[in-house]
Amino acid sequence: SCPSAKLCVAVDSSGNVLTSANPAGGASAWKRVDVDDGNDILGVSCPD
């Protein structure tokens, strides 16, 4: 979910959230953090 060109948020199958202020910038432009202890985060919505 990308509420703006300066923030995109992705979620993965191991409880991680990945964020980027430059989503087209490649792997180094994304930061991954574990927020949900290995659970599969199935969806995300960011209205802003």
ModelCIF file with pLDDT and N, C-alpha, C, O atoms, coordinates in Angstrom:
data_MODEL
#
_entry.id   MODEL 
#
_entity.id                         1 
_entity.type                       polymer 
_entity.pdbx_number_of_molecules   1 
#
_entity_poly.entity_id                      1 
_entity_poly.type                           'polypeptide(L)' 
_entity_poly.nstd_linkage                   no 
_entity_poly.nstd_monomer                   no 
_entity_poly.pdbx_seq_one_letter_code       SCPSAKLCVAVDSSGNVLTSANPAGGASAWKRVDVDDGNDILGVSCPD 
_entity_poly.pdbx_seq_one_letter_code_can   SCPSAKLCVAVDSSGNVLTSANPAGGASAWKRVDVDDGNDILGVSCPD 
_entity_poly.pdbx_strand_id                 A 
#
loop_
_entity_poly_seq.entity_id 
_entity_poly_seq.num 
_entity_poly_seq.mon_id 
_entity_poly_seq.hetero 
1 1  SER n 
1 2  CYS n 
1 3  PRO n 
1 4  SER n 
1 5  ALA n 
1 6  LYS n 
1 7  LEU n 
1 8  CYS n 
1 9  VAL n 
1 10 ALA n 
1 11 VAL n 
1 12 ASP n 
1 13 SER n 
1 14 SER n 
1 15 GLY n 
1 16 ASN n 
1 17 VAL n 
1 18 LEU n 
1 19 THR n 
1 20 SER n 
1 21 ALA n 
1 22 ASN n 
1 23 PRO n 
1 24 ALA n 
1 25 GLY n 
1 26 GLY n 
1 27 ALA n 
1 28 SER n 
1 29 ALA n 
1 30 TRP n 
1 31 LYS n 
1 32 ARG n 
1 33 VAL n 
1 34 ASP n 
1 35 VAL n 
1 36 ASP n 
1 37 ASP n 
1 38 GLY n 
1 39 ASN n 
1 40 ASP n 
1 41 ILE n 
1 42 LEU n 
1 43 GLY n 
1 44 VAL n 
1 45 SER n 
1 46 CYS n 
1 47 PRO n 
1 48 ASP n 
#
_struct_asym.id          A 
_struct_asym.entity_id   1 
#
loop_
_ma_qa_metric.id 
_ma_qa_metric.mode 
_ma_qa_metric.name 
_ma_qa_metric.software_group_id 
_ma_qa_metric.type 
1 global pLDDT . pLDDT 
2 local  pLDDT . pLDDT 
#
_ma_qa_metric_global.metric_id      1 
_ma_qa_metric_global.metric_value   96.44 
_ma_qa_metric_global.model_id       1 
_ma_qa_metric_global.ordinal_id     1 
#
loop_
_ma_qa_metric_local.label_asym_id 
_ma_qa_metric_local.label_comp_id 
_ma_qa_metric_local.label_seq_id 
_ma_qa_metric_local.metric_id 
_ma_qa_metric_local.metric_value 
_ma_qa_metric_local.model_id 
_ma_qa_metric_local.ordinal_id 
A SER 1  2 98.00 1 1  
A CYS 2  2 98.00 1 2  
A PRO 3  2 98.00 1 3  
A SER 4  2 97.00 1 4  
A ALA 5  2 96.00 1 5  
A LYS 6  2 96.00 1 6  
A LEU 7  2 98.00 1 7  
A CYS 8  2 98.00 1 8  
A VAL 9  2 98.00 1 9  
A ALA 10 2 98.00 1 10 
A VAL 11 2 98.00 1 11 
A ASP 12 2 97.00 1 12 
A SER 13 2 96.00 1 13 
A SER 14 2 97.00 1 14 
A GLY 15 2 97.00 1 15 
A ASN 16 2 97.00 1 16 
A VAL 17 2 98.00 1 17 
A LEU 18 2 98.00 1 18 
A THR 19 2 98.00 1 19 
A SER 20 2 98.00 1 20 
A ALA 21 2 97.00 1 21 
A ASN 22 2 97.00 1 22 
A PRO 23 2 96.00 1 23 
A ALA 24 2 93.00 1 24 
A GLY 25 2 92.00 1 25 
A GLY 26 2 89.00 1 26 
A ALA 27 2 92.00 1 27 
A SER 28 2 96.00 1 28 
A ALA 29 2 97.00 1 29 
A TRP 30 2 98.00 1 30 
A LYS 31 2 97.00 1 31 
A ARG 32 2 97.00 1 32 
A VAL 33 2 97.00 1 33 
A ASP 34 2 97.00 1 34 
A VAL 35 2 97.00 1 35 
A ASP 36 2 96.00 1 36 
A ASP 37 2 92.00 1 37 
A GLY 38 2 92.00 1 38 
A ASN 39 2 95.00 1 39 
A ASP 40 2 96.00 1 40 
A ILE 41 2 97.00 1 41 
A LEU 42 2 96.00 1 42 
A GLY 43 2 96.00 1 43 
A VAL 44 2 98.00 1 44 
A SER 45 2 98.00 1 45 
A CYS 46 2 98.00 1 46 
A PRO 47 2 97.00 1 47 
A ASP 48 2 97.00 1 48 
#
loop_
_atom_site.group_PDB 
_atom_site.id 
_atom_site.type_symbol 
_atom_site.label_atom_id 
_atom_site.label_alt_id 
_atom_site.label_comp_id 
_atom_site.label_asym_id 
_atom_site.label_entity_id 
_atom_site.label_seq_id 
_atom_site.pdbx_PDB_ins_code 
_atom_site.Cartn_x 
_atom_site.Cartn_y 
_atom_site.Cartn_z 
_atom_site.occupancy 
_atom_site.B_iso_or_equiv 
_atom_site.pdbx_formal_charge 
_atom_site.auth_seq_id 
_atom_site.auth_comp_id 
_atom_site.auth_asym_id 
_atom_site.auth_atom_id 
_atom_site.pdbx_PDB_model_num 
ATOM 1   N N  . SER A 1 1  ? 0.859  -1.183  0.000  1.00 98.00 ? 1  SER A N  1 
ATOM 2   C CA . SER A 1 1  ? 0.000  0.000   0.000  1.00 98.00 ? 1  SER A CA 1 
ATOM 3   C C  . SER A 1 1  ? 0.893  1.230   0.000  1.00 98.00 ? 1  SER A C  1 
ATOM 4   O O  . SER A 1 1  ? 1.780  1.367   0.843  1.00 98.00 ? 1  SER A O  1 
ATOM 5   N N  . CYS A 1 2  ? 0.653  2.119   -0.948 1.00 98.00 ? 2  CYS A N  1 
ATOM 6   C CA . CYS A 1 2  ? 1.460  3.336   -1.099 1.00 98.00 ? 2  CYS A CA 1 
ATOM 7   C C  . CYS A 1 2  ? 0.534  4.546   -1.002 1.00 98.00 ? 2  CYS A C  1 
ATOM 8   O O  . CYS A 1 2  ? -0.100 4.918   -1.990 1.00 98.00 ? 2  CYS A O  1 
ATOM 9   N N  . PRO A 1 3  ? 0.450  5.166   0.179  1.00 98.00 ? 3  PRO A N  1 
ATOM 10  C CA . PRO A 1 3  ? -0.411 6.335   0.303  1.00 98.00 ? 3  PRO A CA 1 
ATOM 11  C C  . PRO A 1 3  ? 0.143  7.571   -0.394 1.00 98.00 ? 3  PRO A C  1 
ATOM 12  O O  . PRO A 1 3  ? -0.595 8.523   -0.646 1.00 98.00 ? 3  PRO A O  1 
ATOM 13  N N  . SER A 1 4  ? 1.443  7.565   -0.710 1.00 97.00 ? 4  SER A N  1 
ATOM 14  C CA . SER A 1 4  ? 2.060  8.669   -1.433 1.00 97.00 ? 4  SER A CA 1 
ATOM 15  C C  . SER A 1 4  ? 3.281  8.149   -2.162 1.00 97.00 ? 4  SER A C  1 
ATOM 16  O O  . SER A 1 4  ? 3.708  7.017   -1.936 1.00 97.00 ? 4  SER A O  1 
ATOM 17  N N  . ALA A 1 5  ? 3.849  8.971   -3.038 1.00 96.00 ? 5  ALA A N  1 
ATOM 18  C CA . ALA A 1 5  ? 5.062  8.584   -3.742 1.00 96.00 ? 5  ALA A CA 1 
ATOM 19  C C  . ALA A 1 5  ? 6.250  8.491   -2.799 1.00 96.00 ? 5  ALA A C  1 
ATOM 20  O O  . ALA A 1 5  ? 7.274  7.908   -3.152 1.00 96.00 ? 5  ALA A O  1 
ATOM 21  N N  . LYS A 1 6  ? 6.128  9.052   -1.616 1.00 96.00 ? 6  LYS A N  1 
ATOM 22  C CA . LYS A 1 6  ? 7.211  9.062   -0.637 1.00 96.00 ? 6  LYS A CA 1 
ATOM 23  C C  . LYS A 1 6  ? 7.032  8.023   0.470  1.00 96.00 ? 6  LYS A C  1 
ATOM 24  O O  . LYS A 1 6  ? 7.844  7.971   1.394  1.00 96.00 ? 6  LYS A O  1 
ATOM 25  N N  . LEU A 1 7  ? 5.997  7.203   0.397  1.00 98.00 ? 7  LEU A N  1 
ATOM 26  C CA . LEU A 1 7  ? 5.847  6.119   1.361  1.00 98.00 ? 7  LEU A CA 1 
ATOM 27  C C  . LEU A 1 7  ? 5.113  4.951   0.723  1.00 98.00 ? 7  LEU A C  1 
ATOM 28  O O  . LEU A 1 7  ? 3.970  5.071   0.282  1.00 98.00 ? 7  LEU A O  1 
ATOM 29  N N  . CYS A 1 8  ? 5.806  3.819   0.688  1.00 98.00 ? 8  CYS A N  1 
ATOM 30  C CA . CYS A 1 8  ? 5.173  2.555   0.342  1.00 98.00 ? 8  CYS A CA 1 
ATOM 31  C C  . CYS A 1 8  ? 5.441  1.582   1.474  1.00 98.00 ? 8  CYS A C  1 
ATOM 32  O O  . CYS A 1 8  ? 6.528  1.560   2.051  1.00 98.00 ? 8  CYS A O  1 
ATOM 33  N N  . VAL A 1 9  ? 4.432  0.776   1.784  1.00 98.00 ? 9  VAL A N  1 
ATOM 34  C CA . VAL A 1 9  ? 4.521  -0.205  2.854  1.00 98.00 ? 9  VAL A CA 1 
ATOM 35  C C  . VAL A 1 9  ? 4.123  -1.561  2.281  1.00 98.00 ? 9  VAL A C  1 
ATOM 36  O O  . VAL A 1 9  ? 3.024  -1.721  1.749  1.00 98.00 ? 9  VAL A O  1 
ATOM 37  N N  . ALA A 1 10 ? 5.019  -2.531  2.394  1.00 98.00 ? 10 ALA A N  1 
ATOM 38  C CA . ALA A 1 10 ? 4.732  -3.897  1.971  1.00 98.00 ? 10 ALA A CA 1 
ATOM 39  C C  . ALA A 1 10 ? 4.808  -4.805  3.196  1.00 98.00 ? 10 ALA A C  1 
ATOM 40  O O  . ALA A 1 10 ? 5.473  -4.485  4.181  1.00 98.00 ? 10 ALA A O  1 
ATOM 41  N N  . VAL A 1 11 ? 4.122  -5.934  3.119  1.00 98.00 ? 11 VAL A N  1 
ATOM 42  C CA . VAL A 1 11 ? 4.146  -6.910  4.212  1.00 98.00 ? 11 VAL A CA 1 
ATOM 43  C C  . VAL A 1 11 ? 4.477  -8.276  3.627  1.00 98.00 ? 11 VAL A C  1 
ATOM 44  O O  . VAL A 1 11 ? 4.212  -8.550  2.457  1.00 98.00 ? 11 VAL A O  1 
ATOM 45  N N  . ASP A 1 12 ? 5.074  -9.145  4.485  1.00 97.00 ? 12 ASP A N  1 
ATOM 46  C CA . ASP A 1 12 ? 5.481  -10.438 3.967  1.00 97.00 ? 12 ASP A CA 1 
ATOM 47  C C  . ASP A 1 12 ? 4.938  -11.600 4.783  1.00 97.00 ? 12 ASP A C  1 
ATOM 48  O O  . ASP A 1 12 ? 4.182  -11.420 5.738  1.00 97.00 ? 12 ASP A O  1 
ATOM 49  N N  . SER A 1 13 ? 5.345  -12.789 4.382  1.00 96.00 ? 13 SER A N  1 
ATOM 50  C CA . SER A 1 13 ? 4.803  -14.025 4.953  1.00 96.00 ? 13 SER A CA 1 
ATOM 51  C C  . SER A 1 13 ? 5.453  -14.421 6.275  1.00 96.00 ? 13 SER A C  1 
ATOM 52  O O  . SER A 1 13 ? 5.115  -15.463 6.836  1.00 96.00 ? 13 SER A O  1 
ATOM 53  N N  . SER A 1 14 ? 6.380  -13.606 6.783  1.00 97.00 ? 14 SER A N  1 
ATOM 54  C CA . SER A 1 14 ? 7.051  -13.930 8.040  1.00 97.00 ? 14 SER A CA 1 
ATOM 55  C C  . SER A 1 14 ? 6.928  -12.831 9.090  1.00 97.00 ? 14 SER A C  1 
ATOM 56  O O  . SER A 1 14 ? 7.748  -12.742 10.003 1.00 97.00 ? 14 SER A O  1 
ATOM 57  N N  . GLY A 1 15 ? 5.905  -11.999 8.956  1.00 97.00 ? 15 GLY A N  1 
ATOM 58  C CA . GLY A 1 15 ? 5.649  -10.980 9.973  1.00 97.00 ? 15 GLY A CA 1 
ATOM 59  C C  . GLY A 1 15 ? 6.452  -9.718  9.826  1.00 97.00 ? 15 GLY A C  1 
ATOM 60  O O  . GLY A 1 15 ? 6.536  -8.924  10.763 1.00 97.00 ? 15 GLY A O  1 
ATOM 61  N N  . ASN A 1 16 ? 7.054  -9.513  8.657  1.00 97.00 ? 16 ASN A N  1 
ATOM 62  C CA . ASN A 1 16 ? 7.849  -8.307  8.429  1.00 97.00 ? 16 ASN A CA 1 
ATOM 63  C C  . ASN A 1 16 ? 7.054  -7.231  7.709  1.00 97.00 ? 16 ASN A C  1 
ATOM 64  O O  . ASN A 1 16 ? 6.166  -7.517  6.905  1.00 97.00 ? 16 ASN A O  1 
ATOM 65  N N  . VAL A 1 17 ? 7.396  -5.984  8.018  1.00 98.00 ? 17 VAL A N  1 
ATOM 66  C CA . VAL A 1 17 ? 6.916  -4.824  7.288  1.00 98.00 ? 17 VAL A CA 1 
ATOM 67  C C  . VAL A 1 17 ? 8.122  -4.214  6.579  1.00 98.00 ? 17 VAL A C  1 
ATOM 68  O O  . VAL A 1 17 ? 9.184  -4.038  7.175  1.00 98.00 ? 17 VAL A O  1 
ATOM 69  N N  . LEU A 1 18 ? 7.943  -3.897  5.303  1.00 98.00 ? 18 LEU A N  1 
ATOM 70  C CA . LEU A 1 18 ? 8.997  -3.261  4.522  1.00 98.00 ? 18 LEU A CA 1 
ATOM 71  C C  . LEU A 1 18 ? 8.501  -1.895  4.096  1.00 98.00 ? 18 LEU A C  1 
ATOM 72  O O  . LEU A 1 18 ? 7.394  -1.773  3.571  1.00 98.00 ? 18 LEU A O  1 
ATOM 73  N N  . THR A 1 19 ? 9.310  -0.860  4.316  1.00 98.00 ? 19 THR A N  1 
ATOM 74  C CA . THR A 1 19 ? 8.901  0.502   3.993  1.00 98.00 ? 19 THR A CA 1 
ATOM 75  C C  . THR A 1 19 ? 9.948  1.163   3.110  1.00 98.00 ? 19 THR A C  1 
ATOM 76  O O  . THR A 1 19 ? 11.132 0.830   3.157  1.00 98.00 ? 19 THR A O  1 
ATOM 77  N N  . SER A 1 20 ? 9.476  2.116   2.297  1.00 98.00 ? 20 SER A N  1 
ATOM 78  C CA . SER A 1 20 ? 10.393 2.858   1.437  1.00 98.00 ? 20 SER A CA 1 
ATOM 79  C C  . SER A 1 20 ? 9.872  4.258   1.169  1.00 98.00 ? 20 SER A C  1 
ATOM 80  O O  . SER A 1 20 ? 8.677  4.465   0.958  1.00 98.00 ? 20 SER A O  1 
ATOM 81  N N  . ALA A 1 21 ? 10.790 5.213   1.182  1.00 97.00 ? 21 ALA A N  1 
ATOM 82  C CA . ALA A 1 21 ? 10.482 6.580   0.748  1.00 97.00 ? 21 ALA A CA 1 
ATOM 83  C C  . ALA A 1 21 ? 10.828 6.772   -0.719 1.00 97.00 ? 21 ALA A C  1 
ATOM 84  O O  . ALA A 1 21 ? 10.561 7.829   -1.291 1.00 97.00 ? 21 ALA A O  1 
ATOM 85  N N  . ASN A 1 22 ? 11.429 5.745   -1.333 1.00 97.00 ? 22 ASN A N  1 
ATOM 86  C CA . ASN A 1 22 ? 11.811 5.775   -2.746 1.00 97.00 ? 22 ASN A CA 1 
ATOM 87  C C  . ASN A 1 22 ? 11.585 4.379   -3.316 1.00 97.00 ? 22 ASN A C  1 
ATOM 88  O O  . ASN A 1 22 ? 12.547 3.659   -3.586 1.00 97.00 ? 22 ASN A O  1 
ATOM 89  N N  . PRO A 1 23 ? 10.326 3.988   -3.502 1.00 96.00 ? 23 PRO A N  1 
ATOM 90  C CA . PRO A 1 23 ? 10.018 2.590   -3.823 1.00 96.00 ? 23 PRO A CA 1 
ATOM 91  C C  . PRO A 1 23 ? 10.614 2.086   -5.122 1.00 96.00 ? 23 PRO A C  1 
ATOM 92  O O  . PRO A 1 23 ? 10.788 0.877   -5.279 1.00 96.00 ? 23 PRO A O  1 
ATOM 93  N N  . ALA A 1 24 ? 10.931 2.959   -6.054 1.00 93.00 ? 24 ALA A N  1 
ATOM 94  C CA . ALA A 1 24 ? 11.534 2.533   -7.319 1.00 93.00 ? 24 ALA A CA 1 
ATOM 95  C C  . ALA A 1 24 ? 13.056 2.497   -7.225 1.00 93.00 ? 24 ALA A C  1 
ATOM 96  O O  . ALA A 1 24 ? 13.726 2.273   -8.233 1.00 93.00 ? 24 ALA A O  1 
ATOM 97  N N  . GLY A 1 25 ? 13.616 2.714   -6.029 1.00 92.00 ? 25 GLY A N  1 
ATOM 98  C CA . GLY A 1 25 ? 15.056 2.865   -5.879 1.00 92.00 ? 25 GLY A CA 1 
ATOM 99  C C  . GLY A 1 25 ? 15.848 1.591   -5.673 1.00 92.00 ? 25 GLY A C  1 
ATOM 100 O O  . GLY A 1 25 ? 17.059 1.663   -5.467 1.00 92.00 ? 25 GLY A O  1 
ATOM 101 N N  . GLY A 1 26 ? 15.221 0.430   -5.720 1.00 89.00 ? 26 GLY A N  1 
ATOM 102 C CA . GLY A 1 26 ? 15.943 -0.815  -5.543 1.00 89.00 ? 26 GLY A CA 1 
ATOM 103 C C  . GLY A 1 26 ? 15.937 -1.294  -4.106 1.00 89.00 ? 26 GLY A C  1 
ATOM 104 O O  . GLY A 1 26 ? 15.353 -0.661  -3.226 1.00 89.00 ? 26 GLY A O  1 
ATOM 105 N N  . ALA A 1 27 ? 16.605 -2.440  -3.878 1.00 92.00 ? 27 ALA A N  1 
ATOM 106 C CA . ALA A 1 27 ? 16.565 -3.093  -2.569 1.00 92.00 ? 27 ALA A CA 1 
ATOM 107 C C  . ALA A 1 27 ? 17.060 -2.185  -1.453 1.00 92.00 ? 27 ALA A C  1 
ATOM 108 O O  . ALA A 1 27 ? 16.496 -2.196  -0.359 1.00 92.00 ? 27 ALA A O  1 
ATOM 109 N N  . SER A 1 28 ? 18.095 -1.406  -1.703 1.00 96.00 ? 28 SER A N  1 
ATOM 110 C CA . SER A 1 28 ? 18.669 -0.561  -0.650 1.00 96.00 ? 28 SER A CA 1 
ATOM 111 C C  . SER A 1 28 ? 17.726 0.546   -0.207 1.00 96.00 ? 28 SER A C  1 
ATOM 112 O O  . SER A 1 28 ? 17.928 1.152   0.845  1.00 96.00 ? 28 SER A O  1 
ATOM 113 N N  . ALA A 1 29 ? 16.698 0.814   -1.002 1.00 97.00 ? 29 ALA A N  1 
ATOM 114 C CA . ALA A 1 29 ? 15.741 1.874   -0.657 1.00 97.00 ? 29 ALA A CA 1 
ATOM 115 C C  . ALA A 1 29 ? 14.626 1.365   0.246  1.00 97.00 ? 29 ALA A C  1 
ATOM 116 O O  . ALA A 1 29 ? 13.772 2.144   0.671  1.00 97.00 ? 29 ALA A O  1 
ATOM 117 N N  . TRP A 1 30 ? 14.622 0.062   0.546  1.00 98.00 ? 30 TRP A N  1 
ATOM 118 C CA . TRP A 1 30 ? 13.577 -0.533  1.382  1.00 98.00 ? 30 TRP A CA 1 
ATOM 119 C C  . TRP A 1 30 ? 14.174 -0.973  2.719  1.00 98.00 ? 30 TRP A C  1 
ATOM 120 O O  . TRP A 1 30 ? 15.287 -1.496  2.769  1.00 98.00 ? 30 TRP A O  1 
ATOM 121 N N  . LYS A 1 31 ? 13.425 -0.755  3.795  1.00 97.00 ? 31 LYS A N  1 
ATOM 122 C CA . LYS A 1 31 ? 13.842 -1.168  5.130  1.00 97.00 ? 31 LYS A CA 1 
ATOM 123 C C  . LYS A 1 31 ? 12.866 -2.218  5.640  1.00 97.00 ? 31 LYS A C  1 
ATOM 124 O O  . LYS A 1 31 ? 11.652 -2.021  5.591  1.00 97.00 ? 31 LYS A O  1 
ATOM 125 N N  . ARG A 1 32 ? 13.402 -3.343  6.133  1.00 97.00 ? 32 ARG A N  1 
ATOM 126 C CA . ARG A 1 32 ? 12.569 -4.440  6.625  1.00 97.00 ? 32 ARG A CA 1 
ATOM 127 C C  . ARG A 1 32 ? 12.697 -4.547  8.136  1.00 97.00 ? 32 ARG A C  1 
ATOM 128 O O  . ARG A 1 32 ? 13.805 -4.561  8.673  1.00 97.00 ? 32 ARG A O  1 
ATOM 129 N N  . VAL A 1 33 ? 11.552 -4.622  8.825  1.00 97.00 ? 33 VAL A N  1 
ATOM 130 C CA . VAL A 1 33 ? 11.546 -4.832  10.276 1.00 97.00 ? 33 VAL A CA 1 
ATOM 131 C C  . VAL A 1 33 ? 10.527 -5.913  10.616 1.00 97.00 ? 33 VAL A C  1 
ATOM 132 O O  . VAL A 1 33 ? 9.469  -6.002  9.993  1.00 97.00 ? 33 VAL A O  1 
ATOM 133 N N  . ASP A 1 34 ? 10.854 -6.727  11.602 1.00 97.00 ? 34 ASP A N  1 
ATOM 134 C CA . ASP A 1 34 ? 9.945  -7.770  12.082 1.00 97.00 ? 34 ASP A CA 1 
ATOM 135 C C  . ASP A 1 34 ? 8.989  -7.145  13.090 1.00 97.00 ? 34 ASP A C  1 
ATOM 136 O O  . ASP A 1 34 ? 9.416  -6.629  14.123 1.00 97.00 ? 34 ASP A O  1 
ATOM 137 N N  . VAL A 1 35 ? 7.691  -7.195  12.786 1.00 97.00 ? 35 VAL A N  1 
ATOM 138 C CA . VAL A 1 35 ? 6.702  -6.599  13.697 1.00 97.00 ? 35 VAL A CA 1 
ATOM 139 C C  . VAL A 1 35 ? 5.698  -7.612  14.233 1.00 97.00 ? 35 VAL A C  1 
ATOM 140 O O  . VAL A 1 35 ? 4.969  -7.308  15.177 1.00 97.00 ? 35 VAL A O  1 
ATOM 141 N N  . ASP A 1 36 ? 5.641  -8.825  13.647 1.00 96.00 ? 36 ASP A N  1 
ATOM 142 C CA . ASP A 1 36 ? 4.549  -9.744  13.980 1.00 96.00 ? 36 ASP A CA 1 
ATOM 143 C C  . ASP A 1 36 ? 5.019  -11.169 14.234 1.00 96.00 ? 36 ASP A C  1 
ATOM 144 O O  . ASP A 1 36 ? 4.279  -12.119 13.981 1.00 96.00 ? 36 ASP A O  1 
ATOM 145 N N  . ASP A 1 37 ? 6.233  -11.324 14.726 1.00 92.00 ? 37 ASP A N  1 
ATOM 146 C CA . ASP A 1 37 ? 6.716  -12.593 15.273 1.00 92.00 ? 37 ASP A CA 1 
ATOM 147 C C  . ASP A 1 37 ? 6.482  -13.795 14.361 1.00 92.00 ? 37 ASP A C  1 
ATOM 148 O O  . ASP A 1 37 ? 6.026  -14.843 14.820 1.00 92.00 ? 37 ASP A O  1 
ATOM 149 N N  . GLY A 1 38 ? 6.788  -13.651 13.086 1.00 92.00 ? 38 GLY A N  1 
ATOM 150 C CA . GLY A 1 38 ? 6.722  -14.773 12.161 1.00 92.00 ? 38 GLY A CA 1 
ATOM 151 C C  . GLY A 1 38 ? 5.368  -15.071 11.560 1.00 92.00 ? 38 GLY A C  1 
ATOM 152 O O  . GLY A 1 38 ? 5.268  -15.980 10.737 1.00 92.00 ? 38 GLY A O  1 
ATOM 153 N N  . ASN A 1 39 ? 4.325  -14.356 11.925 1.00 95.00 ? 39 ASN A N  1 
ATOM 154 C CA . ASN A 1 39 ? 3.005  -14.593 11.335 1.00 95.00 ? 39 ASN A CA 1 
ATOM 155 C C  . ASN A 1 39 ? 2.954  -14.072 9.903  1.00 95.00 ? 39 ASN A C  1 
ATOM 156 O O  . ASN A 1 39 ? 3.676  -13.144 9.537  1.00 95.00 ? 39 ASN A O  1 
ATOM 157 N N  . ASP A 1 40 ? 2.100  -14.677 9.113  1.00 96.00 ? 40 ASP A N  1 
ATOM 158 C CA . ASP A 1 40 ? 1.901  -14.271 7.721  1.00 96.00 ? 40 ASP A CA 1 
ATOM 159 C C  . ASP A 1 40 ? 0.959  -13.065 7.702  1.00 96.00 ? 40 ASP A C  1 
ATOM 160 O O  . ASP A 1 40 ? -0.235 -13.201 7.970  1.00 96.00 ? 40 ASP A O  1 
ATOM 161 N N  . ILE A 1 41 ? 1.499  -11.890 7.386  1.00 97.00 ? 41 ILE A N  1 
ATOM 162 C CA . ILE A 1 41 ? 0.657  -10.694 7.270  1.00 97.00 ? 41 ILE A CA 1 
ATOM 163 C C  . ILE A 1 41 ? 0.070  -10.701 5.864  1.00 97.00 ? 41 ILE A C  1 
ATOM 164 O O  . ILE A 1 41 ? 0.799  -10.558 4.883  1.00 97.00 ? 41 ILE A O  1 
ATOM 165 N N  . LEU A 1 42 ? -1.224 -10.864 5.768  1.00 96.00 ? 42 LEU A N  1 
ATOM 166 C CA . LEU A 1 42 ? -1.878 -11.136 4.497  1.00 96.00 ? 42 LEU A CA 1 
ATOM 167 C C  . LEU A 1 42 ? -2.278 -9.892  3.716  1.00 96.00 ? 42 LEU A C  1 
ATOM 168 O O  . LEU A 1 42 ? -2.481 -9.964  2.504  1.00 96.00 ? 42 LEU A O  1 
ATOM 169 N N  . GLY A 1 43 ? -2.394 -8.761  4.389  1.00 96.00 ? 43 GLY A N  1 
ATOM 170 C CA . GLY A 1 43 ? -2.798 -7.554  3.693  1.00 96.00 ? 43 GLY A CA 1 
ATOM 171 C C  . GLY A 1 43 ? -2.422 -6.332  4.482  1.00 96.00 ? 43 GLY A C  1 
ATOM 172 O O  . GLY A 1 43 ? -2.176 -6.406  5.686  1.00 96.00 ? 43 GLY A O  1 
ATOM 173 N N  . VAL A 1 44 ? -2.377 -5.181  3.790  1.00 98.00 ? 44 VAL A N  1 
ATOM 174 C CA . VAL A 1 44 ? -2.092 -3.914  4.448  1.00 98.00 ? 44 VAL A CA 1 
ATOM 175 C C  . VAL A 1 44 ? -2.800 -2.802  3.676  1.00 98.00 ? 44 VAL A C  1 
ATOM 176 O O  . VAL A 1 44 ? -2.891 -2.833  2.449  1.00 98.00 ? 44 VAL A O  1 
ATOM 177 N N  . SER A 1 45 ? -3.297 -1.820  4.427  1.00 98.00 ? 45 SER A N  1 
ATOM 178 C CA . SER A 1 45 ? -3.930 -0.652  3.820  1.00 98.00 ? 45 SER A CA 1 
ATOM 179 C C  . SER A 1 45 ? -3.473 0.589   4.564  1.00 98.00 ? 45 SER A C  1 
ATOM 180 O O  . SER A 1 45 ? -3.556 0.664   5.790  1.00 98.00 ? 45 SER A O  1 
ATOM 181 N N  . CYS A 1 46 ? -2.987 1.565   3.800  1.00 98.00 ? 46 CYS A N  1 
ATOM 182 C CA . CYS A 1 46 ? -2.505 2.823   4.368  1.00 98.00 ? 46 CYS A CA 1 
ATOM 183 C C  . CYS A 1 46 ? -3.275 3.966   3.717  1.00 98.00 ? 46 CYS A C  1 
ATOM 184 O O  . CYS A 1 46 ? -2.933 4.379   2.610  1.00 98.00 ? 46 CYS A O  1 
ATOM 185 N N  . PRO A 1 47 ? -4.312 4.488   4.383  1.00 97.00 ? 47 PRO A N  1 
ATOM 186 C CA . PRO A 1 47 ? -5.084 5.569   3.786  1.00 97.00 ? 47 PRO A CA 1 
ATOM 187 C C  . PRO A 1 47 ? -4.306 6.874   3.679  1.00 97.00 ? 47 PRO A C  1 
ATOM 188 O O  . PRO A 1 47 ? -4.613 7.715   2.835  1.00 97.00 ? 47 PRO A O  1 
ATOM 189 N N  . ASP A 1 48 ? -3.295 7.046   4.536  1.00 97.00 ? 48 ASP A N  1 
ATOM 190 C CA . ASP A 1 48 ? -2.395 8.190   4.441  1.00 97.00 ? 48 ASP A CA 1 
ATOM 191 C C  . ASP A 1 48 ? -1.078 7.807   5.088  1.00 97.00 ? 48 ASP A C  1 
ATOM 192 O O  . ASP A 1 48 ? -0.152 8.617   5.131  1.00 97.00 ? 48 ASP A O  1 
#
